[in-house]
PDB file of N, CA and C in Angstrom:
ATOM      1  N   MET A   1     -24.239  14.643 -55.028  1.00  0.00           N
ATOM      2  CA  MET A   1     -24.725  13.737 -54.025  1.00  0.00           C
ATOM      3  C   MET A   1     -23.643  12.685 -53.749  1.00  0.00           C
ATOM      4  N   PRO A   2     -23.287  12.479 -52.451  1.00  0.00           N
ATOM      5  CA  PRO A   2     -22.234  11.513 -52.139  1.00  0.00           C
ATOM      6  C   PRO A   2     -22.676  10.092 -52.447  1.00  0.00           C
ATOM      7  N   VAL A   3     -21.714   9.310 -52.893  1.00  0.00           N
ATOM      8  CA  VAL A   3     -21.984   7.911 -53.202  1.00  0.00           C
ATOM      9  C   VAL A   3     -21.727   7.101 -51.937  1.00  0.00           C
ATOM     10  N   PRO A   4     -22.732   6.344 -51.499  1.00  0.00           N
ATOM     11  CA  PRO A   4     -22.524   5.553 -50.278  1.00  0.00           C
ATOM     12  C   PRO A   4     -21.449   4.491 -50.492  1.00  0.00           C
ATOM     13  N   GLY A   5     -20.627   4.281 -49.466  1.00  0.00           N
ATOM     14  CA  GLY A   5     -19.564   3.277 -49.532  1.00  0.00           C
ATOM     15  C   GLY A   5     -20.126   1.909 -49.202  1.00  0.00           C
ATOM     16  N   PRO A   6     -19.252   0.946 -49.146  1.00  0.00           N
ATOM     17  CA  PRO A   6     -19.692  -0.404 -48.795  1.00  0.00           C
ATOM     18  C   PRO A   6     -20.292  -0.435 -47.388  1.00  0.00           C
ATOM     19  N   ALA A   7     -21.149  -1.384 -47.170  1.00  0.00           N
ATOM     20  CA  ALA A   7     -21.792  -1.509 -45.861  1.00  0.00           C
ATOM     21  C   ALA A   7     -20.728  -1.739 -44.800  1.00  0.00           C
ATOM     22  N   GLY A   8     -20.876  -1.045 -43.649  1.00  0.00           N
ATOM     23  CA  GLY A   8     -19.958  -1.221 -42.537  1.00  0.00           C
ATOM     24  C   GLY A   8     -18.792  -0.254 -42.542  1.00  0.00           C
ATOM     25  N   GLU A   9     -18.631   0.542 -43.600  1.00  0.00           N
ATOM     26  CA  GLU A   9     -17.509   1.473 -43.676  1.00  0.00           C
ATOM     27  C   GLU A   9     -17.594   2.525 -42.576  1.00  0.00           C
ATOM     28  N   GLY A  10     -18.787   3.006 -42.295  1.00  0.00           N
ATOM     29  CA  GLY A  10     -18.976   3.984 -41.230  1.00  0.00           C
ATOM     30  C   GLY A  10     -18.625   3.403 -39.874  1.00  0.00           C
ATOM     31  N   GLU A  11     -18.940   2.128 -39.708  1.00  0.00           N
ATOM     32  CA  GLU A  11     -18.602   1.458 -38.446  1.00  0.00           C
ATOM     33  C   GLU A  11     -17.096   1.378 -38.260  1.00  0.00           C
ATOM     34  N   ARG A  12     -16.377   1.089 -39.342  1.00  0.00           N
ATOM     35  CA  ARG A  12     -14.913   0.992 -39.254  1.00  0.00           C
ATOM     36  C   ARG A  12     -14.318   2.344 -38.890  1.00  0.00           C
ATOM     37  N   ASP A  13     -14.842   3.426 -39.465  1.00  0.00           N
ATOM     38  CA  ASP A  13     -14.356   4.764 -39.139  1.00  0.00           C
ATOM     39  C   ASP A  13     -14.595   5.056 -37.665  1.00  0.00           C
ATOM     40  N   SER A  14     -15.766   4.700 -37.179  1.00  0.00           N
ATOM     41  CA  SER A  14     -16.110   4.910 -35.778  1.00  0.00           C
ATOM     42  C   SER A  14     -15.201   4.086 -34.874  1.00  0.00           C
ATOM     43  N   MET A  15     -14.958   2.834 -35.256  1.00  0.00           N
ATOM     44  CA  MET A  15     -14.087   1.973 -34.452  1.00  0.00           C
ATOM     45  C   MET A  15     -12.670   2.507 -34.456  1.00  0.00           C
ATOM     46  N   SER A  16     -12.230   3.041 -35.580  1.00  0.00           N
ATOM     47  CA  SER A  16     -10.889   3.601 -35.683  1.00  0.00           C
ATOM     48  C   SER A  16     -10.758   4.826 -34.775  1.00  0.00           C
ATOM     49  N   ARG A  17     -11.782   5.678 -34.776  1.00  0.00           N
ATOM     50  CA  ARG A  17     -11.767   6.858 -33.907  1.00  0.00           C
ATOM     51  C   ARG A  17     -11.786   6.437 -32.442  1.00  0.00           C
ATOM     52  N   ASP A  18     -12.591   5.419 -32.133  1.00  0.00           N
ATOM     53  CA  ASP A  18     -12.645   4.913 -30.759  1.00  0.00           C
ATOM     54  C   ASP A  18     -11.288   4.357 -30.334  1.00  0.00           C
ATOM     55  N   ALA A  19     -10.644   3.625 -31.221  1.00  0.00           N
ATOM     56  CA  ALA A  19      -9.332   3.050 -30.914  1.00  0.00           C
ATOM     57  C   ALA A  19      -8.308   4.167 -30.694  1.00  0.00           C
ATOM     58  N   GLU A  20      -8.350   5.198 -31.515  1.00  0.00           N
ATOM     59  CA  GLU A  20      -7.439   6.332 -31.353  1.00  0.00           C
ATOM     60  C   GLU A  20      -7.701   7.047 -30.042  1.00  0.00           C
ATOM     61  N   PHE A  21      -8.982   7.228 -29.709  1.00  0.00           N
ATOM     62  CA  PHE A  21      -9.344   7.882 -28.458  1.00  0.00           C
ATOM     63  C   PHE A  21      -8.838   7.075 -27.264  1.00  0.00           C
ATOM     64  N   LEU A  22      -9.061   5.757 -27.304  1.00  0.00           N
ATOM     65  CA  LEU A  22      -8.609   4.892 -26.215  1.00  0.00           C
ATOM     66  C   LEU A  22      -7.092   4.904 -26.100  1.00  0.00           C
ATOM     67  N   LYS A  23      -6.401   4.902 -27.214  1.00  0.00           N
ATOM     68  CA  LYS A  23      -4.936   4.937 -27.204  1.00  0.00           C
ATOM     69  C   LYS A  23      -4.444   6.243 -26.571  1.00  0.00           C
ATOM     70  N   GLU A  24      -5.059   7.344 -26.940  1.00  0.00           N
ATOM     71  CA  GLU A  24      -4.677   8.648 -26.380  1.00  0.00           C
ATOM     72  C   GLU A  24      -5.007   8.718 -24.886  1.00  0.00           C
ATOM     73  N   LEU A  25      -6.164   8.194 -24.509  1.00  0.00           N
ATOM     74  CA  LEU A  25      -6.562   8.173 -23.099  1.00  0.00           C
ATOM     75  C   LEU A  25      -5.590   7.330 -22.282  1.00  0.00           C
ATOM     76  N   GLN A  26      -5.201   6.186 -22.811  1.00  0.00           N
ATOM     77  CA  GLN A  26      -4.243   5.322 -22.113  1.00  0.00           C
ATOM     78  C   GLN A  26      -2.892   6.023 -21.983  1.00  0.00           C
ATOM     79  N   LYS A  27      -2.481   6.715 -23.014  1.00  0.00           N
ATOM     80  CA  LYS A  27      -1.206   7.444 -22.982  1.00  0.00           C
ATOM     81  C   LYS A  27      -1.234   8.517 -21.893  1.00  0.00           C
ATOM     82  N   LYS A  28      -2.338   9.264 -21.811  1.00  0.00           N
ATOM     83  CA  LYS A  28      -2.471  10.298 -20.787  1.00  0.00           C
ATOM     84  C   LYS A  28      -2.491   9.685 -19.393  1.00  0.00           C
ATOM     85  N   PHE A  29      -3.211   8.570 -19.243  1.00  0.00           N
ATOM     86  CA  PHE A  29      -3.285   7.889 -17.951  1.00  0.00           C
ATOM     87  C   PHE A  29      -1.904   7.423 -17.505  1.00  0.00           C
ATOM     88  N   GLU A  30      -1.156   6.801 -18.414  1.00  0.00           N
ATOM     89  CA  GLU A  30       0.177   6.316 -18.083  1.00  0.00           C
ATOM     90  C   GLU A  30       1.108   7.468 -17.710  1.00  0.00           C
ATOM     91  N   GLN A  31       0.979   8.604 -18.389  1.00  0.00           N
ATOM     92  CA  GLN A  31       1.802   9.778 -18.072  1.00  0.00           C
ATOM     93  C   GLN A  31       1.475  10.284 -16.665  1.00  0.00           C
ATOM     94  N   LYS A  32       0.186  10.383 -16.342  1.00  0.00           N
ATOM     95  CA  LYS A  32      -0.230  10.830 -15.007  1.00  0.00           C
ATOM     96  C   LYS A  32       0.263   9.857 -13.941  1.00  0.00           C
ATOM     97  N   LEU A  33       0.145   8.572 -14.212  1.00  0.00           N
ATOM     98  CA  LEU A  33       0.603   7.557 -13.274  1.00  0.00           C
ATOM     99  C   LEU A  33       2.102   7.680 -13.042  1.00  0.00           C
ATOM    100  N   ARG A  34       2.860   7.887 -14.104  1.00  0.00           N
ATOM    101  CA  ARG A  34       4.310   8.054 -14.008  1.00  0.00           C
ATOM    102  C   ARG A  34       4.656   9.301 -13.188  1.00  0.00           C
ATOM    103  N   GLU A  35       3.960  10.410 -13.454  1.00  0.00           N
ATOM    104  CA  GLU A  35       4.203  11.646 -12.705  1.00  0.00           C
ATOM    105  C   GLU A  35       3.902  11.447 -11.219  1.00  0.00           C
ATOM    106  N   HIS A  36       2.823  10.740 -10.927  1.00  0.00           N
ATOM    107  CA  HIS A  36       2.453  10.488  -9.538  1.00  0.00           C
ATOM    108  C   HIS A  36       3.495   9.610  -8.852  1.00  0.00           C
ATOM    109  N   GLU A  37       3.942   8.581  -9.545  1.00  0.00           N
ATOM    110  CA  GLU A  37       4.943   7.684  -8.972  1.00  0.00           C
ATOM    111  C   GLU A  37       6.239   8.436  -8.685  1.00  0.00           C
ATOM    112  N   ILE A  38       6.636   9.319  -9.578  1.00  0.00           N
ATOM    113  CA  ILE A  38       7.835  10.129  -9.363  1.00  0.00           C
ATOM    114  C   ILE A  38       7.669  10.996  -8.119  1.00  0.00           C
ATOM    115  N   ALA A  39       6.509  11.631  -7.978  1.00  0.00           N
ATOM    116  CA  ALA A  39       6.252  12.481  -6.813  1.00  0.00           C
ATOM    117  C   ALA A  39       6.301  11.685  -5.511  1.00  0.00           C
ATOM    118  N   VAL A  40       5.737  10.494  -5.522  1.00  0.00           N
ATOM    119  CA  VAL A  40       5.734   9.650  -4.316  1.00  0.00           C
ATOM    120  C   VAL A  40       7.159   9.248  -3.953  1.00  0.00           C
ATOM    121  N   ILE A  41       7.910   8.807  -4.924  1.00  0.00           N
ATOM    122  CA  ILE A  41       9.288   8.383  -4.664  1.00  0.00           C
ATOM    123  C   ILE A  41      10.125   9.564  -4.173  1.00  0.00           C
ATOM    124  N   GLU A  42       9.942  10.735  -4.781  1.00  0.00           N
ATOM    125  CA  GLU A  42      10.680  11.917  -4.335  1.00  0.00           C
ATOM    126  C   GLU A  42      10.340  12.265  -2.886  1.00  0.00           C
ATOM    127  N   HIS A  43       9.066  12.142  -2.526  1.00  0.00           N
ATOM    128  CA  HIS A  43       8.643  12.444  -1.159  1.00  0.00           C
ATOM    129  C   HIS A  43       9.356  11.537  -0.156  1.00  0.00           C
ATOM    130  N   TRP A  44       9.310  10.218  -0.399  1.00  0.00           N
ATOM    131  CA  TRP A  44       9.906   9.287   0.552  1.00  0.00           C
ATOM    132  C   TRP A  44      11.420   9.361   0.542  1.00  0.00           C
ATOM    133  N   LYS A  45      12.015   9.675  -0.593  1.00  0.00           N
ATOM    134  CA  LYS A  45      13.472   9.865  -0.648  1.00  0.00           C
ATOM    135  C   LYS A  45      13.861  11.068   0.206  1.00  0.00           C
ATOM    136  N   GLU A  46      13.076  12.118   0.129  1.00  0.00           N
ATOM    137  CA  GLU A  46      13.341  13.305   0.943  1.00  0.00           C
ATOM    138  C   GLU A  46      13.281  12.959   2.432  1.00  0.00           C
ATOM    139  N   ARG A  47      12.293  12.159   2.807  1.00  0.00           N
ATOM    140  CA  ARG A  47      12.184  11.742   4.215  1.00  0.00           C
ATOM    141  C   ARG A  47      13.406  10.936   4.644  1.00  0.00           C
ATOM    142  N   LEU A  48      13.849  10.008   3.817  1.00  0.00           N
ATOM    143  CA  LEU A  48      15.038   9.215   4.129  1.00  0.00           C
ATOM    144  C   LEU A  48      16.294  10.081   4.169  1.00  0.00           C
ATOM    145  N   ASP A  49      16.394  11.026   3.258  1.00  0.00           N
ATOM    146  CA  ASP A  49      17.549  11.926   3.243  1.00  0.00           C
ATOM    147  C   ASP A  49      17.631  12.737   4.538  1.00  0.00           C
ATOM    148  N   ARG A  50      16.462  13.142   5.065  1.00  0.00           N
ATOM    149  CA  ARG A  50      16.460  13.872   6.334  1.00  0.00           C
ATOM    150  C   ARG A  50      16.979  12.998   7.476  1.00  0.00           C
ATOM    151  N   ILE A  51      16.586  11.739   7.493  1.00  0.00           N
ATOM    152  CA  ILE A  51      17.078  10.819   8.522  1.00  0.00           C
ATOM    153  C   ILE A  51      18.595  10.653   8.377  1.00  0.00           C
ATOM    154  N   TYR A  52      19.048  10.491   7.147  1.00  0.00           N
ATOM    155  CA  TYR A  52      20.473  10.317   6.893  1.00  0.00           C
ATOM    156  C   TYR A  52      21.256  11.550   7.340  1.00  0.00           C
ATOM    157  N   ALA A  53      20.708  12.735   7.083  1.00  0.00           N
ATOM    158  CA  ALA A  53      21.389  13.987   7.418  1.00  0.00           C
ATOM    159  C   ALA A  53      21.448  14.230   8.926  1.00  0.00           C
ATOM    160  N   MET A  54      20.588  13.573   9.693  1.00  0.00           N
ATOM    161  CA  MET A  54      20.562  13.777  11.142  1.00  0.00           C
ATOM    162  C   MET A  54      21.859  13.322  11.803  1.00  0.00           C
ATOM    163  N   ARG A  55      22.496  12.341  11.247  1.00  0.00           N
ATOM    164  CA  ARG A  55      23.706  11.777  11.836  1.00  0.00           C
ATOM    165  C   ARG A  55      23.487  11.427  13.311  1.00  0.00           C
ATOM    166  N   PRO A  56      22.506  10.551  13.566  1.00  0.00           N
ATOM    167  CA  PRO A  56      22.224  10.216  14.971  1.00  0.00           C
ATOM    168  C   PRO A  56      23.425   9.538  15.638  1.00  0.00           C
ATOM    169  N   GLU A  57      23.547   9.781  16.924  1.00  0.00           N
ATOM    170  CA  GLU A  57      24.635   9.172  17.684  1.00  0.00           C
ATOM    171  C   GLU A  57      24.178   7.792  18.148  1.00  0.00           C
ATOM    172  N   GLY A  58      24.717   6.780  17.564  1.00  0.00           N
ATOM    173  CA  GLY A  58      24.366   5.424  17.946  1.00  0.00           C
ATOM    174  C   GLY A  58      23.241   4.862  17.104  1.00  0.00           C
ATOM    175  N   ILE A  59      23.041   3.597  17.303  1.00  0.00           N
ATOM    176  CA  ILE A  59      22.049   2.873  16.506  1.00  0.00           C
ATOM    177  C   ILE A  59      20.628   3.103  17.006  1.00  0.00           C
ATOM    178  N   ALA A  60      20.437   3.291  18.296  1.00  0.00           N
ATOM    179  CA  ALA A  60      19.088   3.425  18.867  1.00  0.00           C
ATOM    180  C   ALA A  60      18.322   4.613  18.271  1.00  0.00           C
ATOM    181  N   PRO A  61      18.915   5.812  18.211  1.00  0.00           N
ATOM    182  CA  PRO A  61      18.168   6.931  17.601  1.00  0.00           C
ATOM    183  C   PRO A  61      17.858   6.692  16.119  1.00  0.00           C
ATOM    184  N   LEU A  62      18.771   6.047  15.428  1.00  0.00           N
ATOM    185  CA  LEU A  62      18.538   5.742  14.012  1.00  0.00           C
ATOM    186  C   LEU A  62      17.379   4.753  13.873  1.00  0.00           C
ATOM    187  N   GLN A  63      17.366   3.734  14.710  1.00  0.00           N
ATOM    188  CA  GLN A  63      16.271   2.763  14.675  1.00  0.00           C
ATOM    189  C   GLN A  63      14.944   3.436  14.980  1.00  0.00           C
ATOM    190  N   LEU A  64      14.948   4.372  15.916  1.00  0.00           N
ATOM    191  CA  LEU A  64      13.730   5.099  16.267  1.00  0.00           C
ATOM    192  C   LEU A  64      13.205   5.885  15.063  1.00  0.00           C
ATOM    193  N   GLU A  65      14.086   6.582  14.369  1.00  0.00           N
ATOM    194  CA  GLU A  65      13.674   7.364  13.198  1.00  0.00           C
ATOM    195  C   GLU A  65      13.169   6.460  12.075  1.00  0.00           C
ATOM    196  N   ILE A  66      13.834   5.338  11.886  1.00  0.00           N
ATOM    197  CA  ILE A  66      13.389   4.390  10.853  1.00  0.00           C
ATOM    198  C   ILE A  66      12.026   3.827  11.224  1.00  0.00           C
ATOM    199  N   ARG A  67      11.812   3.519  12.491  1.00  0.00           N
ATOM    200  CA  ARG A  67      10.514   3.014  12.940  1.00  0.00           C
ATOM    201  C   ARG A  67       9.430   4.071  12.705  1.00  0.00           C
ATOM    202  N   ARG A  68       9.724   5.328  13.028  1.00  0.00           N
ATOM    203  CA  ARG A  68       8.746   6.411  12.794  1.00  0.00           C
ATOM    204  C   ARG A  68       8.384   6.510  11.311  1.00  0.00           C
ATOM    205  N   LEU A  69       9.394   6.446  10.462  1.00  0.00           N
ATOM    206  CA  LEU A  69       9.143   6.516   9.023  1.00  0.00           C
ATOM    207  C   LEU A  69       8.298   5.328   8.573  1.00  0.00           C
ATOM    208  N   SER A  70       8.625   4.159   9.064  1.00  0.00           N
ATOM    209  CA  SER A  70       7.869   2.965   8.713  1.00  0.00           C
ATOM    210  C   SER A  70       6.416   3.076   9.164  1.00  0.00           C
ATOM    211  N   GLU A  71       6.186   3.583  10.363  1.00  0.00           N
ATOM    212  CA  GLU A  71       4.821   3.771  10.865  1.00  0.00           C
ATOM    213  C   GLU A  71       4.058   4.792  10.031  1.00  0.00           C
ATOM    214  N   THR A  72       4.748   5.846   9.634  1.00  0.00           N
ATOM    215  CA  THR A  72       4.111   6.861   8.782  1.00  0.00           C
ATOM    216  C   THR A  72       3.680   6.243   7.456  1.00  0.00           C
ATOM    217  N   MET A  73       4.555   5.435   6.887  1.00  0.00           N
ATOM    218  CA  MET A  73       4.238   4.774   5.621  1.00  0.00           C
ATOM    219  C   MET A  73       3.071   3.802   5.802  1.00  0.00           C
ATOM    220  N   ALA A  74       3.080   3.045   6.891  1.00  0.00           N
ATOM    221  CA  ALA A  74       2.000   2.088   7.151  1.00  0.00           C
ATOM    222  C   ALA A  74       0.669   2.812   7.327  1.00  0.00           C
ATOM    223  N   ASN A  75       0.685   3.936   8.040  1.00  0.00           N
ATOM    224  CA  ASN A  75      -0.532   4.715   8.222  1.00  0.00           C
ATOM    225  C   ASN A  75      -1.054   5.238   6.884  1.00  0.00           C
ATOM    226  N   ARG A  76      -0.149   5.661   6.035  1.00  0.00           N
ATOM    227  CA  ARG A  76      -0.550   6.182   4.712  1.00  0.00           C
ATOM    228  C   ARG A  76      -1.194   5.070   3.874  1.00  0.00           C
ATOM    229  N   VAL A  77      -0.590   3.897   3.910  1.00  0.00           N
ATOM    230  CA  VAL A  77      -1.146   2.761   3.153  1.00  0.00           C
ATOM    231  C   VAL A  77      -2.536   2.427   3.680  1.00  0.00           C
ATOM    232  N   LYS A  78      -2.685   2.403   4.995  1.00  0.00           N
ATOM    233  CA  LYS A  78      -3.985   2.100   5.598  1.00  0.00           C
ATOM    234  C   LYS A  78      -5.029   3.131   5.170  1.00  0.00           C
ATOM    235  N   THR A  79      -4.650   4.388   5.182  1.00  0.00           N
ATOM    236  CA  THR A  79      -5.558   5.466   4.767  1.00  0.00           C
ATOM    237  C   THR A  79      -5.983   5.297   3.311  1.00  0.00           C
ATOM    238  N   LEU A  80      -5.016   4.991   2.452  1.00  0.00           N
ATOM    239  CA  LEU A  80      -5.324   4.822   1.033  1.00  0.00           C
ATOM    240  C   LEU A  80      -6.226   3.618   0.790  1.00  0.00           C
ATOM    241  N   LYS A  81      -6.028   2.539   1.561  1.00  0.00           N
ATOM    242  CA  LYS A  81      -6.856   1.353   1.378  1.00  0.00           C
ATOM    243  C   LYS A  81      -8.292   1.592   1.790  1.00  0.00           C
ATOM    244  N   LYS A  82      -8.502   2.497   2.762  1.00  0.00           N
ATOM    245  CA  LYS A  82      -9.859   2.823   3.185  1.00  0.00           C
ATOM    246  C   LYS A  82     -10.617   3.524   2.068  1.00  0.00           C
ATOM    247  N   GLY A  83      -9.861   4.228   1.227  1.00  0.00           N
ATOM    248  CA  GLY A  83     -10.438   4.851   0.046  1.00  0.00           C
ATOM    249  C   GLY A  83     -11.056   6.139   0.303  1.00  0.00           C
TER     250      GLY A  83
END
């Protein structure tokens, strides 16, 4: 027959497991967040690289492409804020 431990020992084990679970959950969340941030940055870098590769003649076409990119980004932010 097992000998019962001091009062509260079971609670400490439970709290320890909860703390480990929360630590692991936070680690997974941070990894997912990092992966998502990398994907977002890669996407927008690709868009900028395409503008750079266009080699527009003069400043006006370049400004137009930058404005389009900016509008696309603004629309995306607005969409995300709507939820």
